[in-house]
N, C-alpha and C. Protein backbone atom coordinates (compact mmCIF):
# COMPACT_ATOMS: atom_id res chain seq x y z
N MET A 1 12.61 10.14 -10.83
CA MET A 1 11.54 11.04 -10.87
C MET A 1 10.49 11.02 -9.54
N ALA A 2 9.97 11.77 -9.03
CA ALA A 2 8.91 11.61 -8.14
C ALA A 2 7.70 11.31 -8.43
N ILE A 3 7.14 10.56 -7.58
CA ILE A 3 5.98 10.09 -7.81
C ILE A 3 4.75 11.32 -6.95
N ASP A 4 3.87 11.52 -7.68
CA ASP A 4 2.44 12.52 -6.93
C ASP A 4 2.03 11.68 -5.93
N LEU A 5 1.66 11.97 -4.68
CA LEU A 5 0.85 11.12 -4.07
C LEU A 5 -0.41 10.75 -4.49
N GLN A 6 -1.27 11.81 -4.79
CA GLN A 6 -2.28 11.70 -5.31
C GLN A 6 -2.36 10.76 -6.64
N VAL A 7 -1.71 10.60 -7.18
CA VAL A 7 -1.52 9.58 -8.51
C VAL A 7 -1.47 8.26 -7.60
N LEU A 8 -0.48 8.11 -6.74
CA LEU A 8 -0.15 6.86 -6.08
C LEU A 8 -1.67 6.41 -5.54
N GLU A 9 -2.11 7.04 -4.84
CA GLU A 9 -3.49 7.04 -4.21
C GLU A 9 -4.72 6.28 -5.30
N GLN A 10 -4.85 7.38 -6.31
CA GLN A 10 -5.89 6.95 -7.26
C GLN A 10 -5.40 5.62 -8.00
N THR A 11 -4.06 5.20 -8.36
CA THR A 11 -3.95 4.10 -8.88
C THR A 11 -4.40 2.89 -7.71
N ILE A 12 -4.04 3.02 -6.85
CA ILE A 12 -4.18 2.03 -5.40
C ILE A 12 -5.91 1.91 -5.15
N ARG A 13 -6.68 2.99 -5.43
CA ARG A 13 -8.07 2.91 -4.98
C ARG A 13 -8.96 2.40 -6.26
N SER A 14 -8.32 2.69 -7.66
CA SER A 14 -8.86 2.08 -8.68
C SER A 14 -8.59 0.55 -9.02
N SER A 15 -7.76 0.16 -8.13
CA SER A 15 -7.28 -1.48 -8.16
C SER A 15 -7.67 -2.50 -7.34
N PHE A 16 -8.13 -2.12 -6.48
CA PHE A 16 -8.49 -2.51 -5.04
C PHE A 16 -9.80 -2.19 -4.30
N SER A 17 -10.49 -2.83 -3.80
CA SER A 17 -11.72 -2.74 -2.95
C SER A 17 -11.03 -2.72 -1.57
N ILE A 18 -11.32 -1.02 -1.22
CA ILE A 18 -9.93 -0.64 0.10
C ILE A 18 -11.33 -0.54 1.29
N SER A 19 -10.78 -1.23 2.66
CA SER A 19 -11.52 -0.63 3.85
C SER A 19 -10.62 0.35 4.55
N HIS A 20 -9.27 0.29 4.31
CA HIS A 20 -8.52 1.50 5.02
C HIS A 20 -7.47 1.46 3.99
N LEU A 21 -6.74 3.08 3.96
CA LEU A 21 -5.70 3.09 3.16
C LEU A 21 -4.97 4.26 3.63
N GLU A 22 -3.73 3.82 3.93
CA GLU A 22 -2.98 5.00 4.51
C GLU A 22 -1.26 5.07 3.76
N ILE A 23 -1.13 6.27 2.93
CA ILE A 23 0.18 6.38 2.43
C ILE A 23 0.94 7.51 2.98
N GLU A 24 2.08 7.28 3.24
CA GLU A 24 2.99 8.14 3.94
C GLU A 24 4.18 8.37 2.79
N ASP A 25 4.58 9.74 2.73
CA ASP A 25 5.38 9.95 1.77
C ASP A 25 6.89 10.18 2.74
N GLN A 26 7.88 9.29 2.98
CA GLN A 26 8.74 9.30 3.89
C GLN A 26 9.82 9.88 3.28
N SER A 27 9.85 10.86 2.17
CA SER A 27 11.00 11.44 1.68
C SER A 27 10.47 12.89 1.68
N SER A 28 10.35 13.32 2.84
CA SER A 28 9.99 15.00 3.22
C SER A 28 9.23 15.53 2.31
N GLY A 29 8.57 14.85 1.34
CA GLY A 29 7.55 15.87 0.24
C GLY A 29 8.42 15.48 -0.98
N CYS A 30 9.35 14.70 -1.31
CA CYS A 30 9.91 14.58 -2.41
C CYS A 30 9.35 13.85 -3.43
N GLY A 31 8.66 12.80 -2.88
CA GLY A 31 7.91 11.63 -3.83
C GLY A 31 8.57 10.45 -4.42
N GLU A 32 9.88 10.42 -3.38
CA GLU A 32 10.24 9.17 -3.93
C GLU A 32 10.56 8.16 -2.90
N SER A 33 9.81 8.33 -1.77
CA SER A 33 9.78 7.15 -0.83
C SER A 33 8.38 7.07 -0.10
N TYR A 34 7.73 6.24 -0.33
CA TYR A 34 6.53 6.06 0.37
C TYR A 34 6.48 4.71 0.95
N ALA A 35 5.17 4.55 1.84
CA ALA A 35 5.07 3.65 2.79
C ALA A 35 3.48 3.43 2.88
N VAL A 36 3.12 2.24 2.56
CA VAL A 36 1.31 2.26 2.36
C VAL A 36 0.97 1.05 3.12
N LEU A 37 0.13 1.42 3.83
CA LEU A 37 -0.91 0.52 4.55
C LEU A 37 -1.99 0.31 4.01
N LEU A 38 -2.54 -0.92 3.52
CA LEU A 38 -3.59 -1.15 2.43
C LEU A 38 -4.37 -2.39 3.29
N VAL A 39 -5.87 -2.34 3.94
CA VAL A 39 -6.62 -3.31 4.22
C VAL A 39 -7.93 -3.24 2.85
N SER A 40 -7.93 -4.56 2.83
CA SER A 40 -8.86 -5.11 1.90
C SER A 40 -9.33 -6.53 1.86
N GLU A 41 -10.67 -6.42 1.74
CA GLU A 41 -11.35 -8.10 1.78
C GLU A 41 -10.72 -8.68 0.63
N ALA A 42 -10.16 -8.06 -0.49
CA ALA A 42 -9.49 -8.70 -1.68
C ALA A 42 -8.31 -9.92 -1.00
N PHE A 43 -7.76 -9.41 -0.25
CA PHE A 43 -6.27 -10.15 0.53
C PHE A 43 -7.02 -11.43 1.43
N GLU A 44 -8.41 -11.46 1.65
CA GLU A 44 -8.82 -12.82 2.38
C GLU A 44 -8.03 -14.11 1.40
N GLY A 45 -7.72 -15.02 2.12
CA GLY A 45 -7.10 -16.16 1.89
C GLY A 45 -5.79 -15.88 0.91
N LYS A 46 -5.13 -14.94 0.80
CA LYS A 46 -3.86 -14.78 0.05
C LYS A 46 -2.72 -14.65 1.12
N THR A 47 -1.60 -15.31 0.92
CA THR A 47 -0.59 -14.99 1.65
C THR A 47 -0.15 -13.09 1.75
N THR A 48 0.90 -13.23 2.72
CA THR A 48 1.61 -11.75 2.48
C THR A 48 2.30 -11.76 1.08
N LEU A 49 2.95 -12.67 0.77
CA LEU A 49 3.77 -12.43 -0.30
C LEU A 49 2.99 -12.29 -1.56
N ALA A 50 1.94 -13.08 -1.74
CA ALA A 50 0.76 -13.23 -3.03
C ALA A 50 0.59 -11.90 -2.78
N ARG A 51 0.12 -11.07 -1.53
CA ARG A 51 -0.40 -9.57 -1.48
C ARG A 51 0.55 -8.67 -1.99
N HIS A 52 1.61 -8.49 -1.78
CA HIS A 52 2.90 -7.92 -2.33
C HIS A 52 3.11 -7.93 -3.57
N ARG A 53 2.99 -9.05 -4.05
CA ARG A 53 3.26 -9.17 -5.07
C ARG A 53 2.15 -8.48 -6.12
N TRP A 54 1.06 -8.92 -5.75
CA TRP A 54 -0.11 -8.39 -6.47
C TRP A 54 0.03 -6.78 -6.29
N ILE A 55 0.24 -6.01 -5.12
CA ILE A 55 0.62 -4.67 -5.28
C ILE A 55 1.65 -4.15 -6.07
N ASN A 56 2.86 -5.09 -6.28
CA ASN A 56 4.11 -4.25 -6.66
C ASN A 56 3.71 -4.45 -8.31
N GLU A 57 2.63 -5.37 -8.67
CA GLU A 57 2.45 -5.49 -10.12
C GLU A 57 1.77 -4.47 -10.48
N VAL A 58 0.54 -4.20 -9.83
CA VAL A 58 -0.30 -2.92 -9.93
C VAL A 58 0.32 -1.53 -9.85
N LEU A 59 1.49 -1.52 -8.95
CA LEU A 59 2.36 -0.22 -9.00
C LEU A 59 3.62 -0.44 -9.39
N LYS A 60 3.80 -1.26 -10.10
CA LYS A 60 5.11 -1.61 -11.15
C LYS A 60 5.76 -0.19 -11.97
N ASN A 61 5.21 0.68 -12.38
CA ASN A 61 5.48 1.99 -13.20
C ASN A 61 5.91 2.59 -12.09
N GLU A 62 4.91 2.84 -10.97
CA GLU A 62 5.21 3.97 -10.08
C GLU A 62 6.60 3.71 -8.94
N ILE A 63 6.63 2.34 -8.76
CA ILE A 63 7.80 1.87 -8.23
C ILE A 63 8.82 1.99 -8.73
N SER A 64 8.98 1.82 -9.98
CA SER A 64 10.18 2.14 -10.90
C SER A 64 10.69 3.14 -10.52
N GLN A 65 10.03 4.00 -10.59
CA GLN A 65 10.57 5.75 -10.46
C GLN A 65 10.92 6.19 -8.77
N MET A 66 10.61 5.00 -7.93
CA MET A 66 10.78 5.35 -6.40
C MET A 66 12.17 5.33 -5.75
N HIS A 67 12.85 5.78 -4.91
CA HIS A 67 13.93 5.14 -3.86
C HIS A 67 13.81 4.09 -3.53
N ALA A 68 12.44 3.98 -2.56
CA ALA A 68 12.33 2.82 -1.71
C ALA A 68 10.64 2.96 -1.29
N PHE A 69 10.13 1.81 -1.49
CA PHE A 69 8.62 1.59 -1.43
C PHE A 69 8.39 0.33 -0.39
N SER A 70 7.63 0.46 0.80
CA SER A 70 7.24 -0.35 1.92
C SER A 70 5.72 -0.61 1.93
N GLN A 71 5.01 -1.59 2.17
CA GLN A 71 3.96 -2.02 2.36
C GLN A 71 3.61 -2.99 3.29
N LYS A 72 2.34 -2.67 4.19
CA LYS A 72 1.74 -3.44 4.98
C LYS A 72 0.28 -3.52 4.25
N THR A 73 -0.03 -5.29 4.40
CA THR A 73 -1.26 -5.60 3.96
C THR A 73 -2.41 -6.31 5.00
N PHE A 74 -3.42 -6.13 5.20
CA PHE A 74 -4.12 -7.05 6.01
C PHE A 74 -5.56 -6.91 5.48
N THR A 75 -6.18 -8.07 6.06
CA THR A 75 -7.38 -8.44 5.60
C THR A 75 -8.10 -7.73 6.84
N PRO A 76 -9.54 -6.99 6.60
CA PRO A 76 -10.18 -6.22 7.78
C PRO A 76 -10.21 -6.82 8.97
N LYS A 77 -10.62 -8.18 9.17
CA LYS A 77 -10.14 -8.84 10.48
C LYS A 77 -8.78 -9.01 11.00
N GLN A 78 -7.62 -8.91 10.20
CA GLN A 78 -6.28 -8.98 10.57
C GLN A 78 -5.91 -7.44 10.91
N TYR A 79 -6.49 -6.27 10.49
CA TYR A 79 -6.49 -5.15 10.68
C TYR A 79 -6.86 -4.94 12.13
N ALA A 80 -7.98 -5.41 12.48
CA ALA A 80 -8.50 -4.92 13.62
C ALA A 80 -7.52 -5.46 14.92
N ALA A 81 -7.17 -6.58 14.53
CA ALA A 81 -6.15 -7.19 15.62
C ALA A 81 -4.86 -6.76 15.55
N TYR A 82 -4.74 -6.18 14.49
CA TYR A 82 -3.31 -5.37 14.58
C TYR A 82 -3.45 -4.08 15.48
N LEU A 83 -4.71 -3.16 15.21
CA LEU A 83 -5.15 -2.37 16.04
C LEU A 83 -5.13 -2.48 17.50
N ALA A 84 -5.51 -3.56 17.82
CA ALA A 84 -5.85 -3.99 19.17
C ALA A 84 -4.42 -4.14 19.52
N LYS A 85 -3.56 -4.63 19.20
CA LYS A 85 -2.02 -4.67 20.01
C LYS A 85 -1.61 -3.33 20.20
N GLY A 86 -2.14 -2.33 19.79
CA GLY A 86 -1.83 -0.98 20.00
C GLY A 86 -0.53 -0.77 18.79
N ASN A 87 -0.57 -1.14 17.66
CA ASN A 87 0.30 -0.47 16.48
C ASN A 87 -0.58 0.51 15.89
């Protein structure tokens, strides 16, 4: 079952304080494969694994209906360094 991009975005925005959010439908509009880049101060002091588990828990219903889901999570400071590297 396909997941609507707006539903996915709404769920993320209602669960995290967001500095920056990018959601890419990698399934050519089918809604079965998404990549998310999420920047939040809420990630401060959390490991990457803890951040991903947190997102997976928040999006468990949506992810269970997808073929593929990938995520990148950063604090604002980490994201600035990521951008400075030219990514």
